Amino acid sequence: MPSAASSYFRRLSRRLTEDIDQLDAEELAETADASGACRVADCRRGEEVTMLGRLRSVEACSKSAGASVQAEFFDGTDAIALVWIGRRRIPGIEPGRRLLVRGRIGERDGRKVIFNPYYELRGNS
């Protein structure tokens, strides 16, 4: 059985040598699991879900037919598109922001998407 000191140094060396993005993804996934949220990788089309994660990117689209805000949401397991139709901007919806989102999983262009999700801002990074 390893001692507490050796376990500490093993974790520390892992944190110093592993890819930062991989560590961030693991931390996001652990936080989401601890909260009881669904994992993006496990959810399927048609399911009503609650997920916890971070926005990787946010883009405002002002097409002639109607405006929308589109964001890539990542929970450490996979990414999903969030689309708010009829909006040009949403205060607080910005890259790096942590969110709790709720909605029904759909599909667009072969990727998972939630249209007009309910969301709660959870702080930055």
N, C-alpha and C. Protein backbone atom coordinates (compact mmCIF):
# COMPACT_ATOMS: atom_id res chain seq x y z
N MET A 1 0.84 -1.17 0.00
CA MET A 1 0.00 0.00 0.00
C MET A 1 0.90 1.24 0.00
N PRO A 2 0.69 2.19 -0.97
CA PRO A 2 1.53 3.36 -1.04
C PRO A 2 1.25 4.32 0.11
N SER A 3 2.31 5.00 0.52
CA SER A 3 2.15 5.97 1.61
C SER A 3 1.49 7.23 1.08
N ALA A 4 0.99 8.05 2.00
CA ALA A 4 0.34 9.31 1.62
C ALA A 4 1.32 10.22 0.90
N ALA A 5 2.58 10.23 1.35
CA ALA A 5 3.60 11.08 0.73
C ALA A 5 3.87 10.65 -0.72
N SER A 6 3.99 9.35 -0.95
CA SER A 6 4.27 8.89 -2.31
C SER A 6 3.07 9.15 -3.23
N SER A 7 1.86 9.03 -2.70
CA SER A 7 0.66 9.34 -3.49
C SER A 7 0.64 10.81 -3.86
N TYR A 8 0.99 11.66 -2.92
CA TYR A 8 1.02 13.11 -3.16
C TYR A 8 2.01 13.43 -4.28
N PHE A 9 3.22 12.88 -4.20
CA PHE A 9 4.24 13.17 -5.22
C PHE A 9 3.87 12.59 -6.58
N ARG A 10 3.19 11.46 -6.59
CA ARG A 10 2.74 10.89 -7.86
C ARG A 10 1.71 11.81 -8.51
N ARG A 11 0.75 12.32 -7.73
CA ARG A 11 -0.26 13.24 -8.26
C ARG A 11 0.39 14.55 -8.72
N LEU A 12 1.35 15.04 -7.93
CA LEU A 12 2.02 16.29 -8.27
C LEU A 12 2.80 16.14 -9.58
N SER A 13 3.55 15.06 -9.73
CA SER A 13 4.33 14.88 -10.96
C SER A 13 3.40 14.70 -12.16
N ARG A 14 2.26 14.06 -11.95
CA ARG A 14 1.29 13.90 -13.03
C ARG A 14 0.76 15.26 -13.46
N ARG A 15 0.44 16.12 -12.51
CA ARG A 15 -0.06 17.47 -12.81
C ARG A 15 0.99 18.30 -13.55
N LEU A 16 2.26 18.08 -13.25
CA LEU A 16 3.32 18.86 -13.88
C LEU A 16 3.67 18.36 -15.28
N THR A 17 3.40 17.11 -15.57
CA THR A 17 3.81 16.53 -16.84
C THR A 17 2.68 16.28 -17.82
N GLU A 18 1.43 16.21 -17.36
CA GLU A 18 0.32 15.93 -18.27
C GLU A 18 -0.13 17.17 -19.01
N ASP A 19 -0.78 16.96 -20.11
CA ASP A 19 -1.33 18.01 -20.93
C ASP A 19 -2.39 18.80 -20.14
N ILE A 20 -2.30 20.11 -20.16
CA ILE A 20 -3.21 20.98 -19.42
C ILE A 20 -4.66 20.76 -19.86
N ASP A 21 -4.89 20.63 -21.15
CA ASP A 21 -6.25 20.42 -21.64
C ASP A 21 -6.83 19.11 -21.13
N GLN A 22 -6.01 18.07 -21.06
CA GLN A 22 -6.46 16.77 -20.55
C GLN A 22 -6.82 16.88 -19.07
N LEU A 23 -5.99 17.58 -18.30
CA LEU A 23 -6.27 17.76 -16.88
C LEU A 23 -7.54 18.57 -16.67
N ASP A 24 -7.74 19.61 -17.48
CA ASP A 24 -8.94 20.43 -17.40
C ASP A 24 -10.18 19.59 -17.72
N ALA A 25 -10.09 18.76 -18.75
CA ALA A 25 -11.21 17.90 -19.12
C ALA A 25 -11.56 16.93 -17.99
N GLU A 26 -10.53 16.35 -17.36
CA GLU A 26 -10.76 15.43 -16.25
C GLU A 26 -11.43 16.14 -15.07
N GLU A 27 -10.97 17.35 -14.78
CA GLU A 27 -11.55 18.12 -13.67
C GLU A 27 -13.01 18.48 -13.96
N LEU A 28 -13.30 18.90 -15.20
CA LEU A 28 -14.67 19.21 -15.58
C LEU A 28 -15.57 17.98 -15.44
N ALA A 29 -15.09 16.83 -15.93
CA ALA A 29 -15.88 15.59 -15.87
C ALA A 29 -16.12 15.18 -14.42
N GLU A 30 -15.11 15.31 -13.56
CA GLU A 30 -15.28 14.96 -12.15
C GLU A 30 -16.29 15.87 -11.46
N THR A 31 -16.23 17.17 -11.76
CA THR A 31 -17.17 18.12 -11.17
C THR A 31 -18.59 17.82 -11.62
N ALA A 32 -18.76 17.53 -12.91
CA ALA A 32 -20.08 17.20 -13.44
C ALA A 32 -20.62 15.92 -12.80
N ASP A 33 -19.77 14.90 -12.68
CA ASP A 33 -20.19 13.64 -12.06
C ASP A 33 -20.61 13.87 -10.61
N ALA A 34 -19.83 14.65 -9.87
CA ALA A 34 -20.12 14.91 -8.46
C ALA A 34 -21.45 15.65 -8.29
N SER A 35 -21.83 16.46 -9.28
CA SER A 35 -23.07 17.22 -9.19
C SER A 35 -24.29 16.39 -9.58
N GLY A 36 -24.05 15.23 -10.18
CA GLY A 36 -25.16 14.38 -10.63
C GLY A 36 -25.64 14.73 -12.03
N ALA A 37 -24.92 15.62 -12.71
CA ALA A 37 -25.31 16.04 -14.06
C ALA A 37 -25.06 14.92 -15.07
N CYS A 38 -25.79 14.99 -16.18
CA CYS A 38 -25.58 14.04 -17.28
C CYS A 38 -24.27 14.37 -17.97
N ARG A 39 -23.65 13.35 -18.54
CA ARG A 39 -22.42 13.56 -19.32
C ARG A 39 -22.81 13.70 -20.78
N VAL A 40 -22.19 14.65 -21.47
CA VAL A 40 -22.49 14.86 -22.88
C VAL A 40 -22.25 13.58 -23.67
N ALA A 41 -21.18 12.87 -23.36
CA ALA A 41 -20.84 11.64 -24.09
C ALA A 41 -21.90 10.56 -23.94
N ASP A 42 -22.66 10.59 -22.84
CA ASP A 42 -23.65 9.55 -22.57
C ASP A 42 -25.07 9.90 -23.00
N CYS A 43 -25.34 11.16 -23.31
CA CYS A 43 -26.71 11.55 -23.62
C CYS A 43 -27.04 11.25 -25.08
N ARG A 44 -28.32 11.03 -25.32
CA ARG A 44 -28.80 10.65 -26.66
C ARG A 44 -29.91 11.58 -27.11
N ARG A 45 -30.10 11.64 -28.41
CA ARG A 45 -31.14 12.47 -29.01
C ARG A 45 -32.51 12.18 -28.38
N GLY A 46 -33.23 13.26 -28.07
CA GLY A 46 -34.57 13.13 -27.49
C GLY A 46 -34.61 13.17 -25.98
N GLU A 47 -33.45 13.00 -25.32
CA GLU A 47 -33.41 12.98 -23.86
C GLU A 47 -33.45 14.40 -23.30
N GLU A 48 -34.15 14.56 -22.18
CA GLU A 48 -34.14 15.81 -21.42
C GLU A 48 -32.98 15.69 -20.44
N VAL A 49 -32.04 16.64 -20.47
CA VAL A 49 -30.81 16.52 -19.68
C VAL A 49 -30.50 17.79 -18.90
N THR A 50 -29.70 17.62 -17.86
CA THR A 50 -29.07 18.71 -17.12
C THR A 50 -27.59 18.43 -17.15
N MET A 51 -26.79 19.42 -17.60
CA MET A 51 -25.35 19.23 -17.74
C MET A 51 -24.60 20.41 -17.12
N LEU A 52 -23.40 20.12 -16.65
CA LEU A 52 -22.54 21.14 -16.06
C LEU A 52 -21.22 21.14 -16.81
N GLY A 53 -20.77 22.31 -17.27
CA GLY A 53 -19.53 22.38 -18.03
C GLY A 53 -19.12 23.81 -18.31
N ARG A 54 -18.34 23.97 -19.36
CA ARG A 54 -17.76 25.28 -19.70
C ARG A 54 -17.98 25.58 -21.18
N LEU A 55 -18.17 26.86 -21.49
CA LEU A 55 -18.28 27.28 -22.89
C LEU A 55 -16.89 27.42 -23.49
N ARG A 56 -16.66 26.74 -24.58
CA ARG A 56 -15.37 26.85 -25.27
C ARG A 56 -15.36 28.01 -26.25
N SER A 57 -16.49 28.22 -26.93
CA SER A 57 -16.57 29.31 -27.90
C SER A 57 -18.00 29.82 -27.95
N VAL A 58 -18.15 31.08 -28.34
CA VAL A 58 -19.46 31.70 -28.49
C VAL A 58 -19.43 32.52 -29.76
N GLU A 59 -20.50 32.41 -30.56
CA GLU A 59 -20.56 33.11 -31.84
C GLU A 59 -21.97 33.66 -32.04
N ALA A 60 -22.06 34.92 -32.42
CA ALA A 60 -23.35 35.53 -32.75
C ALA A 60 -23.53 35.44 -34.26
N CYS A 61 -24.66 34.92 -34.68
CA CYS A 61 -24.96 34.77 -36.10
C CYS A 61 -26.16 35.65 -36.43
N SER A 62 -25.98 36.62 -37.30
CA SER A 62 -27.08 37.51 -37.65
C SER A 62 -27.50 37.27 -39.10
N LYS A 63 -27.96 36.07 -39.36
CA LYS A 63 -28.42 35.72 -40.70
C LYS A 63 -29.70 36.50 -41.02
N SER A 64 -30.00 36.66 -42.29
CA SER A 64 -31.16 37.45 -42.69
C SER A 64 -32.48 36.87 -42.17
N ALA A 65 -32.56 35.55 -42.06
CA ALA A 65 -33.80 34.91 -41.59
C ALA A 65 -34.02 35.09 -40.10
N GLY A 66 -32.95 35.28 -39.33
CA GLY A 66 -33.09 35.45 -37.90
C GLY A 66 -31.76 35.31 -37.20
N ALA A 67 -31.66 36.01 -36.11
CA ALA A 67 -30.41 35.99 -35.35
C ALA A 67 -30.35 34.77 -34.44
N SER A 68 -29.12 34.41 -34.04
CA SER A 68 -28.95 33.34 -33.05
C SER A 68 -27.59 33.51 -32.39
N VAL A 69 -27.50 32.98 -31.19
CA VAL A 69 -26.22 32.89 -30.49
C VAL A 69 -25.91 31.41 -30.40
N GLN A 70 -24.71 31.02 -30.83
CA GLN A 70 -24.30 29.62 -30.81
C GLN A 70 -23.05 29.48 -29.96
N ALA A 71 -23.03 28.44 -29.12
CA ALA A 71 -21.88 28.23 -28.25
C ALA A 71 -21.52 26.75 -28.24
N GLU A 72 -20.23 26.48 -28.07
CA GLU A 72 -19.77 25.11 -27.89
C GLU A 72 -19.59 24.89 -26.39
N PHE A 73 -20.32 23.91 -25.85
CA PHE A 73 -20.33 23.58 -24.42
C PHE A 73 -19.56 22.28 -24.24
N PHE A 74 -18.63 22.25 -23.29
CA PHE A 74 -17.78 21.08 -23.06
C PHE A 74 -17.84 20.70 -21.58
N ASP A 75 -18.07 19.42 -21.31
CA ASP A 75 -18.17 18.97 -19.91
C ASP A 75 -17.03 18.05 -19.50
N GLY A 76 -16.02 17.92 -20.33
CA GLY A 76 -14.90 17.04 -20.02
C GLY A 76 -15.00 15.69 -20.72
N THR A 77 -16.20 15.35 -21.22
CA THR A 77 -16.36 14.07 -21.91
C THR A 77 -16.59 14.26 -23.40
N ASP A 78 -17.27 15.34 -23.77
CA ASP A 78 -17.60 15.60 -25.17
C ASP A 78 -18.15 17.03 -25.26
N ALA A 79 -18.35 17.49 -26.48
CA ALA A 79 -18.89 18.83 -26.70
C ALA A 79 -20.29 18.74 -27.31
N ILE A 80 -21.09 19.77 -27.06
CA ILE A 80 -22.43 19.88 -27.62
C ILE A 80 -22.66 21.34 -27.98
N ALA A 81 -23.42 21.57 -29.04
CA ALA A 81 -23.74 22.94 -29.45
C ALA A 81 -24.97 23.41 -28.68
N LEU A 82 -24.90 24.65 -28.19
CA LEU A 82 -26.05 25.31 -27.58
C LEU A 82 -26.44 26.44 -28.52
N VAL A 83 -27.72 26.54 -28.87
CA VAL A 83 -28.18 27.55 -29.80
C VAL A 83 -29.39 28.27 -29.21
N TRP A 84 -29.24 29.58 -29.06
CA TRP A 84 -30.36 30.42 -28.63
C TRP A 84 -30.86 31.16 -29.87
N ILE A 85 -32.07 30.81 -30.32
CA ILE A 85 -32.64 31.38 -31.54
C ILE A 85 -33.30 32.73 -31.22
N GLY A 86 -33.10 33.69 -32.13
CA GLY A 86 -33.73 34.99 -31.98
C GLY A 86 -32.97 35.94 -31.07
N ARG A 87 -31.74 35.60 -30.75
CA ARG A 87 -30.91 36.45 -29.90
C ARG A 87 -29.67 36.87 -30.65
N ARG A 88 -29.24 38.09 -30.44
CA ARG A 88 -28.00 38.58 -31.03
C ARG A 88 -26.86 38.55 -30.02
N ARG A 89 -27.23 38.64 -28.73
CA ARG A 89 -26.24 38.65 -27.66
C ARG A 89 -26.94 38.25 -26.38
N ILE A 90 -26.23 37.55 -25.49
CA ILE A 90 -26.76 37.18 -24.18
C ILE A 90 -25.70 37.55 -23.15
N PRO A 91 -26.01 38.49 -22.26
CA PRO A 91 -25.03 38.87 -21.23
C PRO A 91 -24.58 37.66 -20.41
N GLY A 92 -23.29 37.53 -20.21
CA GLY A 92 -22.73 36.43 -19.42
C GLY A 92 -22.39 35.19 -20.22
N ILE A 93 -22.92 35.08 -21.43
CA ILE A 93 -22.61 33.93 -22.29
C ILE A 93 -21.35 34.29 -23.07
N GLU A 94 -20.21 33.80 -22.57
CA GLU A 94 -18.91 34.12 -23.16
C GLU A 94 -17.96 32.95 -22.97
N PRO A 95 -16.94 32.83 -23.82
CA PRO A 95 -15.99 31.72 -23.70
C PRO A 95 -15.35 31.67 -22.31
N GLY A 96 -15.20 30.44 -21.80
CA GLY A 96 -14.58 30.22 -20.49
C GLY A 96 -15.58 30.22 -19.35
N ARG A 97 -16.82 30.60 -19.62
CA ARG A 97 -17.82 30.68 -18.56
C ARG A 97 -18.37 29.30 -18.23
N ARG A 98 -18.48 29.00 -16.93
CA ARG A 98 -19.10 27.74 -16.50
C ARG A 98 -20.61 27.91 -16.47
N LEU A 99 -21.31 26.87 -16.91
CA LEU A 99 -22.77 26.90 -16.97
C LEU A 99 -23.37 25.59 -16.50
N LEU A 100 -24.58 25.69 -15.99
CA LEU A 100 -25.46 24.54 -15.81
C LEU A 100 -26.53 24.74 -16.87
N VAL A 101 -26.72 23.78 -17.74
CA VAL A 101 -27.73 23.89 -18.80
C VAL A 101 -28.74 22.76 -18.71
N ARG A 102 -29.97 23.07 -19.12
CA ARG A 102 -31.03 22.06 -19.18
C ARG A 102 -31.75 22.19 -20.50
N GLY A 103 -32.08 21.06 -21.10
CA GLY A 103 -32.81 21.07 -22.35
C GLY A 103 -32.91 19.69 -22.94
N ARG A 104 -33.51 19.62 -24.12
CA ARG A 104 -33.68 18.35 -24.83
C ARG A 104 -32.63 18.24 -25.93
N ILE A 105 -31.97 17.11 -25.97
CA ILE A 105 -30.92 16.86 -26.97
C ILE A 105 -31.55 16.69 -28.34
N GLY A 106 -31.00 17.43 -29.29
CA GLY A 106 -31.39 17.29 -30.68
C GLY A 106 -30.16 16.98 -31.51
N GLU A 107 -30.33 17.04 -32.81
CA GLU A 107 -29.21 16.77 -33.71
C GLU A 107 -29.26 17.74 -34.87
N ARG A 108 -28.10 18.28 -35.24
CA ARG A 108 -27.98 19.18 -36.39
C ARG A 108 -26.66 18.87 -37.06
N ASP A 109 -26.72 18.59 -38.33
CA ASP A 109 -25.52 18.26 -39.12
C ASP A 109 -24.72 17.13 -38.49
N GLY A 110 -25.40 16.15 -37.89
CA GLY A 110 -24.75 14.98 -37.30
C GLY A 110 -24.13 15.22 -35.92
N ARG A 111 -24.34 16.41 -35.35
CA ARG A 111 -23.79 16.73 -34.02
C ARG A 111 -24.91 16.99 -33.03
N LYS A 112 -24.62 16.76 -31.76
CA LYS A 112 -25.60 17.01 -30.70
C LYS A 112 -25.79 18.51 -30.53
N VAL A 113 -27.04 18.91 -30.24
CA VAL A 113 -27.37 20.31 -30.06
C VAL A 113 -28.54 20.44 -29.09
N ILE A 114 -28.57 21.54 -28.35
CA ILE A 114 -29.74 21.90 -27.54
C ILE A 114 -30.16 23.29 -28.00
N PHE A 115 -31.41 23.42 -28.43
CA PHE A 115 -31.93 24.71 -28.84
C PHE A 115 -32.60 25.39 -27.65
N ASN A 116 -32.32 26.68 -27.50
CA ASN A 116 -32.88 27.52 -26.44
C ASN A 116 -32.81 26.86 -25.06
N PRO A 117 -31.62 26.45 -24.63
CA PRO A 117 -31.51 25.79 -23.32
C PRO A 117 -31.74 26.77 -22.17
N TYR A 118 -32.27 26.24 -21.08
CA TYR A 118 -32.31 26.97 -19.82
C TYR A 118 -30.86 26.94 -19.32
N TYR A 119 -30.39 28.02 -18.73
CA TYR A 119 -29.00 28.03 -18.24
C TYR A 119 -28.88 28.83 -16.96
N GLU A 120 -27.88 28.44 -16.18
CA GLU A 120 -27.50 29.17 -14.96
C GLU A 120 -26.00 29.43 -15.06
N LEU A 121 -25.61 30.69 -14.89
CA LEU A 121 -24.18 31.03 -14.88
C LEU A 121 -23.58 30.54 -13.59
N ARG A 122 -22.41 29.92 -13.66
CA ARG A 122 -21.76 29.33 -12.47
C ARG A 122 -20.40 29.91 -12.18
N GLY A 123 -20.03 31.02 -12.73
CA GLY A 123 -18.72 31.61 -12.46
C GLY A 123 -17.76 31.32 -13.60
N ASN A 124 -16.62 31.94 -13.55
CA ASN A 124 -15.61 31.77 -14.60
C ASN A 124 -14.68 30.63 -14.27
N SER A 125 -14.15 30.01 -15.32
CA SER A 125 -13.20 28.91 -15.26
C SER A 125 -13.28 28.22 -14.00
